[in-house]
Amino acid sequence: MAALLKAVLSASEKAAEIARLCRDAEPLFRLLVAEKTGADRNQRFSHDFKTLADVLIQEVIRHDLGAKFPELRGHIGGEESNEFTNANGDTVAVRVCGTVGETAALLGSVLHPEREAAELLAAAAHREVAVGDAALDGITVSIAPGDVAVWIDPIDSTNEYIVGREDVVPRDGIAPSGLCSALVLIGAYERSSGRPVLGVINEPFHRRHPQTRGWQGRYHWGIAYRGTHLSSLSPPPPPQPPPRHLEAVLEVLAAVPGL
């Protein structure tokens, strides 16, 4: 379970990085907040960059979890369809390809002529992101990845994400609206019963760094499986070192020739 949770957390962190990138990088932010007028207003919504950002985050999570746990492939679903119709009328299935260049070319076929935007997104999709969280090392509950399925909501509160209000006052530490309420949500459930067993909430826009003013995120996780209930608010205790007398016995045994 710890390995699966780490993989889900890492995927959520990469997703959060992409969400921040779309608001930080000018070529992406310009597309994100663009208002369609005139003839453009009548185009299919599938052409909208807002939808593409959602879909790419979903497909990055799907790709990374499937690469780490092949037994999950075919059992990772999400809120968004990954099919787009480009300007030529061709249907394009958005996915993470084998190389950055291939992914950039695929995204470029949807975003044409926005080549720089496609390259920025492709680079972010292929970036390695790992989570180092000592609190996860004490998780001993076990579940086979082949026994679970995953569901993704790539950017919950999409409209709040696009509008980007930063003046919303939190209530009990939780933003009821505004940019801080935009979340990446990933859940895992038992295939046989449908019961949820693991969940991650990632807040890409938790707070701004006091010096750089760049956005900092945070995540929360929880496990509920066969009587075990753990969360980032009540993580498992750290592994305890062996008793001193046991260490002494092990030292003596290690010194015996032939053992």
C-alpha atoms as a PDB file:
ATOM      1  CA  MET A   1       0.000   0.000   0.000  1.00  0.00           C
ATOM      2  CA  ALA A   2       2.861   2.392   0.789  1.00  0.00           C
ATOM      3  CA  ALA A   3       4.319   1.986  -2.715  1.00  0.00           C
ATOM      4  CA  LEU A   4       0.934   2.606  -4.332  1.00  0.00           C
ATOM      5  CA  LEU A   5       0.283   5.645  -2.143  1.00  0.00           C
ATOM      6  CA  LYS A   6       3.723   7.087  -2.957  1.00  0.00           C
ATOM      7  CA  ALA A   7       3.047   6.634  -6.668  1.00  0.00           C
ATOM      8  CA  VAL A   8      -0.345   8.349  -6.394  1.00  0.00           C
ATOM      9  CA  LEU A   9       1.180  11.214  -4.404  1.00  0.00           C
ATOM     10  CA  SER A  10       3.997  11.626  -6.943  1.00  0.00           C
ATOM     11  CA  ALA A  11       1.476  11.671  -9.784  1.00  0.00           C
ATOM     12  CA  SER A  12      -0.599  14.268  -7.935  1.00  0.00           C
ATOM     13  CA  GLU A  13       2.487  16.434  -7.401  1.00  0.00           C
ATOM     14  CA  LYS A  14       3.321  16.335 -11.116  1.00  0.00           C
ATOM     15  CA  ALA A  15      -0.295  17.212 -11.872  1.00  0.00           C
ATOM     16  CA  ALA A  16      -0.056  20.153  -9.463  1.00  0.00           C
ATOM     17  CA  GLU A  17       3.122  21.345 -11.189  1.00  0.00           C
ATOM     18  CA  ILE A  18       1.334  21.329 -14.553  1.00  0.00           C
ATOM     19  CA  ALA A  19      -1.625  23.214 -13.059  1.00  0.00           C
ATOM     20  CA  ARG A  20       0.744  25.876 -11.715  1.00  0.00           C
ATOM     21  CA  LEU A  21       2.673  26.005 -14.994  1.00  0.00           C
ATOM     22  CA  CYS A  22      -0.494  26.782 -16.942  1.00  0.00           C
ATOM     23  CA  ARG A  23      -0.974  29.895 -14.823  1.00  0.00           C
ATOM     24  CA  ASP A  24       2.712  30.879 -14.566  1.00  0.00           C
ATOM     25  CA  ALA A  25       3.975  30.484 -18.155  1.00  0.00           C
ATOM     26  CA  GLU A  26       2.729  33.291 -20.412  1.00  0.00           C
ATOM     27  CA  PRO A  27       2.132  31.146 -23.531  1.00  0.00           C
ATOM     28  CA  LEU A  28      -0.081  28.831 -21.463  1.00  0.00           C
ATOM     29  CA  PHE A  29      -1.780  31.430 -19.275  1.00  0.00           C
ATOM     30  CA  ARG A  30      -2.779  33.430 -22.351  1.00  0.00           C
ATOM     31  CA  LEU A  31      -4.596  30.381 -23.720  1.00  0.00           C
ATOM     32  CA  LEU A  32      -6.089  29.482 -20.340  1.00  0.00           C
ATOM     33  CA  VAL A  33      -7.856  32.795 -19.811  1.00  0.00           C
ATOM     34  CA  ALA A  34      -8.693  33.514 -23.464  1.00  0.00           C
ATOM     35  CA  GLU A  35     -12.337  34.447 -24.022  1.00  0.00           C
ATOM     36  CA  LYS A  36     -13.887  33.172 -27.248  1.00  0.00           C
ATOM     37  CA  THR A  37     -15.920  35.685 -29.201  1.00  0.00           C
ATOM     38  CA  GLY A  38     -17.712  35.790 -32.521  1.00  0.00           C
ATOM     39  CA  ALA A  39     -17.347  32.688 -34.660  1.00  0.00           C
ATOM     40  CA  ASP A  40     -14.961  31.126 -32.139  1.00  0.00           C
ATOM     41  CA  ARG A  41     -17.754  31.010 -29.560  1.00  0.00           C
ATOM     42  CA  ASN A  42     -19.556  28.409 -31.677  1.00  0.00           C
ATOM     43  CA  GLN A  43     -16.620  26.003 -31.891  1.00  0.00           C
ATOM     44  CA  ARG A  44     -16.795  22.681 -30.077  1.00  0.00           C
ATOM     45  CA  PHE A  45     -15.750  22.983 -26.427  1.00  0.00           C
ATOM     46  CA  SER A  46     -13.241  20.199 -27.112  1.00  0.00           C
ATOM     47  CA  HIS A  47     -11.069  22.839 -28.812  1.00  0.00           C
ATOM     48  CA  ASP A  48     -10.762  24.787 -25.574  1.00  0.00           C
ATOM     49  CA  PHE A  49      -7.353  24.925 -23.887  1.00  0.00           C
ATOM     50  CA  LYS A  50      -9.084  24.777 -20.512  1.00  0.00           C
ATOM     51  CA  THR A  51     -10.281  21.287 -21.382  1.00  0.00           C
ATOM     52  CA  LEU A  52      -6.878  20.295 -22.749  1.00  0.00           C
ATOM     53  CA  ALA A  53      -5.188  21.267 -19.469  1.00  0.00           C
ATOM     54  CA  ASP A  54      -7.674  19.088 -17.586  1.00  0.00           C
ATOM     55  CA  VAL A  55      -7.207  16.172 -19.972  1.00  0.00           C
ATOM     56  CA  LEU A  56      -3.414  16.342 -20.029  1.00  0.00           C
ATOM     57  CA  ILE A  57      -3.239  16.264 -16.232  1.00  0.00           C
ATOM     58  CA  GLN A  58      -5.557  13.254 -16.234  1.00  0.00           C
ATOM     59  CA  GLU A  59      -3.488  11.449 -18.872  1.00  0.00           C
ATOM     60  CA  VAL A  60      -0.208  12.202 -17.077  1.00  0.00           C
ATOM     61  CA  ILE A  61      -1.587  10.592 -13.922  1.00  0.00           C
ATOM     62  CA  ARG A  62      -2.894   7.634 -15.929  1.00  0.00           C
ATOM     63  CA  HIS A  63       0.468   7.204 -17.672  1.00  0.00           C
ATOM     64  CA  ASP A  64       2.617   7.454 -14.556  1.00  0.00           C
ATOM     65  CA  LEU A  65       0.523   5.056 -12.464  1.00  0.00           C
ATOM     66  CA  GLY A  66       0.272   2.580 -15.342  1.00  0.00           C
ATOM     67  CA  ALA A  67       4.039   2.701 -15.867  1.00  0.00           C
ATOM     68  CA  LYS A  68       4.688   2.050 -12.170  1.00  0.00           C
ATOM     69  CA  PHE A  69       1.991  -0.632 -11.828  1.00  0.00           C
ATOM     70  CA  PRO A  70       1.186  -2.333 -15.168  1.00  0.00           C
ATOM     71  CA  GLU A  71      -1.625  -4.264 -13.472  1.00  0.00           C
ATOM     72  CA  LEU A  72      -3.517  -0.963 -13.136  1.00  0.00           C
ATOM     73  CA  ARG A  73      -3.623  -0.372 -16.892  1.00  0.00           C
ATOM     74  CA  GLY A  74      -7.178  -0.471 -18.133  1.00  0.00           C
ATOM     75  CA  HIS A  75      -8.437   0.269 -14.630  1.00  0.00           C
ATOM     76  CA  ILE A  76      -7.664   3.999 -14.398  1.00  0.00           C
ATOM     77  CA  GLY A  77     -10.611   6.237 -15.234  1.00  0.00           C
ATOM     78  CA  GLY A  78     -11.266   9.946 -15.105  1.00  0.00           C
ATOM     79  CA  GLU A  79     -13.704  12.808 -15.490  1.00  0.00           C
ATOM     80  CA  GLU A  80     -12.585  13.808 -18.983  1.00  0.00           C
ATOM     81  CA  SER A  81     -12.635  12.216 -22.440  1.00  0.00           C
ATOM     82  CA  ASN A  82      -9.159  12.379 -23.958  1.00  0.00           C
ATOM     83  CA  GLU A  83     -10.377  12.800 -27.553  1.00  0.00           C
ATOM     84  CA  PHE A  84     -10.133  16.161 -29.302  1.00  0.00           C
ATOM     85  CA  THR A  85     -11.103  17.275 -32.791  1.00  0.00           C
ATOM     86  CA  ASN A  86      -8.391  19.527 -34.231  1.00  0.00           C
ATOM     87  CA  ALA A  87      -8.719  22.330 -36.764  1.00  0.00           C
ATOM     88  CA  ASN A  88      -8.396  19.834 -39.638  1.00  0.00           C
ATOM     89  CA  GLY A  89     -11.317  17.786 -38.354  1.00  0.00           C
ATOM     90  CA  ASP A  90      -9.065  14.935 -37.213  1.00  0.00           C
ATOM     91  CA  THR A  91      -9.726  13.163 -33.918  1.00  0.00           C
ATOM     92  CA  VAL A  92      -6.690  13.198 -31.639  1.00  0.00           C
ATOM     93  CA  ALA A  93      -6.428  11.067 -28.494  1.00  0.00           C
ATOM     94  CA  VAL A  94      -4.335  13.026 -26.006  1.00  0.00           C
ATOM     95  CA  ARG A  95      -1.799  10.859 -24.178  1.00  0.00           C
ATOM     96  CA  VAL A  96       1.767  10.832 -22.911  1.00  0.00           C
ATOM     97  CA  CYS A  97       3.995   9.362 -25.624  1.00  0.00           C
ATOM     98  CA  GLY A  98       7.367   7.641 -25.385  1.00  0.00           C
ATOM     99  CA  THR A  99       9.450  10.824 -25.710  1.00  0.00           C
ATOM    100  CA  VAL A 100       9.074  14.529 -25.014  1.00  0.00           C
ATOM    101  CA  GLY A 101       9.273  15.260 -28.734  1.00  0.00           C
ATOM    102  CA  GLU A 102       6.510  12.807 -29.585  1.00  0.00           C
ATOM    103  CA  THR A 103       4.248  14.218 -26.882  1.00  0.00           C
ATOM    104  CA  ALA A 104       4.967  17.775 -28.045  1.00  0.00           C
ATOM    105  CA  ALA A 105       4.084  16.809 -31.621  1.00  0.00           C
ATOM    106  CA  LEU A 106       0.812  15.226 -30.515  1.00  0.00           C
ATOM    107  CA  LEU A 107      -0.145  18.230 -28.388  1.00  0.00           C
ATOM    108  CA  GLY A 108       0.900  20.506 -31.224  1.00  0.00           C
ATOM    109  CA  SER A 109      -1.626  18.821 -33.491  1.00  0.00           C
ATOM    110  CA  VAL A 110      -4.330  19.976 -31.067  1.00  0.00           C
ATOM    111  CA  LEU A 111      -2.883  23.384 -30.175  1.00  0.00           C
ATOM    112  CA  HIS A 112      -1.618  24.429 -33.631  1.00  0.00           C
ATOM    113  CA  PRO A 113      -0.149  26.997 -34.147  1.00  0.00           C
ATOM    114  CA  GLU A 114       0.786  27.287 -30.434  1.00  0.00           C
ATOM    115  CA  ARG A 115       4.039  25.313 -30.676  1.00  0.00           C
ATOM    116  CA  GLU A 116       5.701  26.810 -27.582  1.00  0.00           C
ATOM    117  CA  ALA A 117       2.693  25.930 -25.451  1.00  0.00           C
ATOM    118  CA  ALA A 118       2.801  22.334 -26.695  1.00  0.00           C
ATOM    119  CA  GLU A 119       6.516  22.055 -25.909  1.00  0.00           C
ATOM    120  CA  LEU A 120       6.109  23.470 -22.395  1.00  0.00           C
ATOM    121  CA  LEU A 121       3.335  21.012 -21.589  1.00  0.00           C
ATOM    122  CA  ALA A 122       5.227  18.053 -23.046  1.00  0.00           C
ATOM    123  CA  ALA A 123       8.338  18.843 -21.005  1.00  0.00           C
ATOM    124  CA  ALA A 124       6.250  19.038 -17.829  1.00  0.00           C
ATOM    125  CA  ALA A 125       4.480  15.763 -18.640  1.00  0.00           C
ATOM    126  CA  HIS A 126       7.813  13.911 -18.884  1.00  0.00           C
ATOM    127  CA  ARG A 127       9.484  15.497 -15.854  1.00  0.00           C
ATOM    128  CA  GLU A 128      10.363  13.113 -13.024  1.00  0.00           C
ATOM    129  CA  VAL A 129       8.624  13.991  -9.766  1.00  0.00           C
ATOM    130  CA  ALA A 130       9.197  11.969  -6.607  1.00  0.00           C
ATOM    131  CA  VAL A 131       7.712  12.392  -3.149  1.00  0.00           C
ATOM    132  CA  GLY A 132       9.912  11.938  -0.118  1.00  0.00           C
ATOM    133  CA  ASP A 133       7.619  11.606   2.873  1.00  0.00           C
ATOM    134  CA  ALA A 134       8.948   9.785   5.929  1.00  0.00           C
ATOM    135  CA  ALA A 135       5.410   9.444   7.286  1.00  0.00           C
ATOM    136  CA  LEU A 136       4.672   6.894   4.557  1.00  0.00           C
ATOM    137  CA  ASP A 137       7.417   4.515   5.682  1.00  0.00           C
ATOM    138  CA  GLY A 138       5.384   3.278   8.637  1.00  0.00           C
ATOM    139  CA  ILE A 139       2.451   2.067   6.525  1.00  0.00           C
ATOM    140  CA  THR A 140       2.246  -1.712   6.807  1.00  0.00           C
ATOM    141  CA  VAL A 141      -1.253  -2.413   5.463  1.00  0.00           C
ATOM    142  CA  SER A 142      -1.014  -4.320   2.190  1.00  0.00           C
ATOM    143  CA  ILE A 143      -3.231  -4.419  -0.887  1.00  0.00           C
ATOM    144  CA  ALA A 144      -2.241  -5.670  -4.327  1.00  0.00           C
ATOM    145  CA  PRO A 145      -2.415  -2.962  -7.030  1.00  0.00           C
ATOM    146  CA  GLY A 146      -4.103  -5.559  -9.217  1.00  0.00           C
ATOM    147  CA  ASP A 147      -7.050  -5.575  -6.801  1.00  0.00           C
ATOM    148  CA  VAL A 148      -7.807  -1.858  -7.117  1.00  0.00           C
ATOM    149  CA  ALA A 149      -8.931   0.652  -9.728  1.00  0.00           C
ATOM    150  CA  VAL A 150      -8.285   4.393  -9.814  1.00  0.00           C
ATOM    151  CA  TRP A 151     -10.490   7.406 -10.529  1.00  0.00           C
ATOM    152  CA  ILE A 152      -9.135  10.888 -11.336  1.00  0.00           C
ATOM    153  CA  ASP A 153     -10.666  14.355 -11.145  1.00  0.00           C
ATOM    154  CA  PRO A 154      -7.771  16.278 -12.720  1.00  0.00           C
ATOM    155  CA  ILE A 155      -8.784  19.829 -11.730  1.00  0.00           C
ATOM    156  CA  ASP A 156     -11.775  20.050  -9.449  1.00  0.00           C
ATOM    157  CA  SER A 157     -13.300  23.574  -9.451  1.00  0.00           C
ATOM    158  CA  THR A 158     -12.072  24.280 -12.983  1.00  0.00           C
ATOM    159  CA  ASN A 159     -13.835  27.639 -13.189  1.00  0.00           C
ATOM    160  CA  GLU A 160     -12.224  28.807  -9.945  1.00  0.00           C
ATOM    161  CA  TYR A 161      -8.876  27.721 -11.408  1.00  0.00           C
ATOM    162  CA  ILE A 162      -9.409  29.783 -14.553  1.00  0.00           C
ATOM    163  CA  VAL A 163     -10.743  32.928 -12.855  1.00  0.00           C
ATOM    164  CA  GLY A 164      -7.950  32.722 -10.274  1.00  0.00           C
ATOM    165  CA  ARG A 165      -9.328  34.791  -7.389  1.00  0.00           C
ATOM    166  CA  GLU A 166      -6.827  35.091  -4.540  1.00  0.00           C
ATOM    167  CA  ASP A 167      -8.891  37.224  -2.137  1.00  0.00           C
ATOM    168  CA  VAL A 168     -11.131  34.462  -0.757  1.00  0.00           C
ATOM    169  CA  VAL A 169     -10.916  34.130   3.036  1.00  0.00           C
ATOM    170  CA  PRO A 170     -10.528  30.497   4.196  1.00  0.00           C
ATOM    171  CA  ARG A 171     -13.071  29.012   6.582  1.00  0.00           C
ATOM    172  CA  ASP A 172     -11.536  26.720   9.193  1.00  0.00           C
ATOM    173  CA  GLY A 173      -8.438  26.524   7.019  1.00  0.00           C
ATOM    174  CA  ILE A 174     -10.365  25.542   3.869  1.00  0.00           C
ATOM    175  CA  ALA A 175     -10.921  27.837   0.885  1.00  0.00           C
ATOM    176  CA  PRO A 176     -14.633  27.686  -0.073  1.00  0.00           C
ATOM    177  CA  SER A 177     -13.913  29.171  -3.510  1.00  0.00           C
ATOM    178  CA  GLY A 178     -11.183  30.979  -5.428  1.00  0.00           C
ATOM    179  CA  LEU A 179      -7.921  29.669  -6.833  1.00  0.00           C
ATOM    180  CA  CYS A 180      -6.977  27.912  -3.594  1.00  0.00           C
ATOM    181  CA  SER A 181     -10.061  25.698  -3.944  1.00  0.00           C
ATOM    182  CA  ALA A 182      -8.817  24.183  -7.225  1.00  0.00           C
ATOM    183  CA  LEU A 183      -7.763  20.620  -6.382  1.00  0.00           C
ATOM    184  CA  VAL A 184      -6.311  17.497  -7.945  1.00  0.00           C
ATOM    185  CA  LEU A 185      -8.279  14.482  -6.673  1.00  0.00           C
ATOM    186  CA  ILE A 186      -7.218  10.838  -7.034  1.00  0.00           C
ATOM    187  CA  GLY A 187      -8.982   7.887  -5.422  1.00  0.00           C
ATOM    188  CA  ALA A 188      -8.438   4.137  -5.479  1.00  0.00           C
ATOM    189  CA  TYR A 189     -11.146   1.584  -4.819  1.00  0.00           C
ATOM    190  CA  GLU A 190     -11.457  -2.173  -4.562  1.00  0.00           C
ATOM    191  CA  ARG A 191     -12.423  -3.669  -7.915  1.00  0.00           C
ATOM    192  CA  SER A 192     -14.418  -6.477  -6.331  1.00  0.00           C
ATOM    193  CA  SER A 193     -16.548  -4.362  -3.994  1.00  0.00           C
ATOM    194  CA  GLY A 194     -16.216  -0.770  -5.200  1.00  0.00           C
ATOM    195  CA  ARG A 195     -15.219   0.319  -1.693  1.00  0.00           C
ATOM    196  CA  PRO A 196     -12.754   3.238  -1.541  1.00  0.00           C
ATOM    197  CA  VAL A 197      -9.419   2.266  -0.020  1.00  0.00           C
ATOM    198  CA  LEU A 198      -7.114   5.221  -0.698  1.00  0.00           C
ATOM    199  CA  GLY A 199      -7.481   8.891  -1.544  1.00  0.00           C
ATOM    200  CA  VAL A 200      -5.272  11.899  -2.248  1.00  0.00           C
ATOM    201  CA  ILE A 201      -6.199  15.587  -2.315  1.00  0.00           C
ATOM    202  CA  ASN A 202      -3.551  17.880  -3.783  1.00  0.00           C
ATOM    203  CA  GLU A 203      -3.799  21.654  -3.367  1.00  0.00           C
ATOM    204  CA  PRO A 204      -1.567  23.177  -6.085  1.00  0.00           C
ATOM    205  CA  PHE A 205      -2.290  26.726  -4.875  1.00  0.00           C
ATOM    206  CA  HIS A 206      -2.130  26.398  -1.107  1.00  0.00           C
ATOM    207  CA  ARG A 207      -0.137  29.583  -0.473  1.00  0.00           C
ATOM    208  CA  ARG A 208       2.378  31.930  -2.029  1.00  0.00           C
ATOM    209  CA  HIS A 209       6.021  31.784  -0.993  1.00  0.00           C
ATOM    210  CA  PRO A 210       6.707  34.854   1.200  1.00  0.00           C
ATOM    211  CA  GLN A 211       9.858  35.824  -0.750  1.00  0.00           C
ATOM    212  CA  THR A 212       9.458  34.558  -4.324  1.00  0.00           C
ATOM    213  CA  ARG A 213       5.642  34.907  -4.369  1.00  0.00           C
ATOM    214  CA  GLY A 214       5.494  31.670  -6.331  1.00  0.00           C
ATOM    215  CA  TRP A 215       2.729  29.215  -5.496  1.00  0.00           C
ATOM    216  CA  GLN A 216       3.395  26.384  -3.060  1.00  0.00           C
ATOM    217  CA  GLY A 217       1.187  23.328  -2.810  1.00  0.00           C
ATOM    218  CA  ARG A 218       0.425  20.682  -0.243  1.00  0.00           C
ATOM    219  CA  TYR A 219      -1.307  17.315  -0.220  1.00  0.00           C
ATOM    220  CA  HIS A 220      -3.446  15.189   2.072  1.00  0.00           C
ATOM    221  CA  TRP A 221      -3.866  11.434   1.928  1.00  0.00           C
ATOM    222  CA  GLY A 222      -6.002   8.791   3.580  1.00  0.00           C
ATOM    223  CA  ILE A 223      -6.289   4.999   3.739  1.00  0.00           C
ATOM    224  CA  ALA A 224      -9.295   2.946   4.845  1.00  0.00           C
ATOM    225  CA  TYR A 225      -8.831  -0.780   4.347  1.00  0.00           C
ATOM    226  CA  ARG A 226      -9.888  -3.810   6.395  1.00  0.00           C
ATOM    227  CA  GLY A 227     -10.116  -1.976   9.688  1.00  0.00           C
ATOM    228  CA  THR A 228      -7.052   0.197   9.154  1.00  0.00           C
ATOM    229  CA  HIS A 229      -7.673   3.935   9.021  1.00  0.00           C
ATOM    230  CA  LEU A 230      -4.688   6.226   8.446  1.00  0.00           C
ATOM    231  CA  SER A 231      -4.279   9.722   7.068  1.00  0.00           C
ATOM    232  CA  SER A 232      -1.770  12.514   6.705  1.00  0.00           C
ATOM    233  CA  LEU A 233      -3.494  14.078   9.723  1.00  0.00           C
ATOM    234  CA  SER A 234      -2.846  10.929  11.777  1.00  0.00           C
ATOM    235  CA  PRO A 235       0.069   9.134  10.083  1.00  0.00           C
ATOM    236  CA  PRO A 236       1.429   5.805  11.318  1.00  0.00           C
ATOM    237  CA  PRO A 237       4.091   5.969  14.021  1.00  0.00           C
ATOM    238  CA  PRO A 238       7.691   5.859  12.737  1.00  0.00           C
ATOM    239  CA  PRO A 239       9.386   2.436  12.785  1.00  0.00           C
ATOM    240  CA  GLN A 240      10.923   1.756  16.191  1.00  0.00           C
ATOM    241  CA  PRO A 241      14.555   0.642  16.490  1.00  0.00           C
ATOM    242  CA  PRO A 242      15.059  -2.897  17.831  1.00  0.00           C
ATOM    243  CA  PRO A 243      15.562  -3.238  21.609  1.00  0.00           C
ATOM    244  CA  ARG A 244      19.170  -2.784  22.754  1.00  0.00           C
ATOM    245  CA  HIS A 245      19.468  -6.395  23.975  1.00  0.00           C
ATOM    246  CA  LEU A 246      18.441  -7.659  20.536  1.00  0.00           C
ATOM    247  CA  GLU A 247      21.090  -5.454  18.924  1.00  0.00           C
ATOM    248  CA  ALA A 248      23.691  -6.965  21.262  1.00  0.00           C
ATOM    249  CA  VAL A 249      22.665 -10.517  20.322  1.00  0.00           C
ATOM    250  CA  LEU A 250      22.870  -9.663  16.619  1.00  0.00           C
ATOM    251  CA  GLU A 251      26.341  -8.179  17.098  1.00  0.00           C
ATOM    252  CA  VAL A 252      27.543 -11.360  18.836  1.00  0.00           C
ATOM    253  CA  LEU A 253      26.089 -13.583  16.125  1.00  0.00           C
ATOM    254  CA  ALA A 254      27.714 -11.461  13.426  1.00  0.00           C
ATOM    255  CA  ALA A 255      31.094 -12.028  15.061  1.00  0.00           C
ATOM    256  CA  VAL A 256      30.776 -15.854  15.061  1.00  0.00           C
ATOM    257  CA  PRO A 257      32.810 -17.367  12.171  1.00  0.00           C
ATOM    258  CA  GLY A 258      30.747 -19.277   9.646  1.00  0.00           C
ATOM    259  CA  LEU A 259      27.437 -17.580  10.459  1.00  0.00           C
END
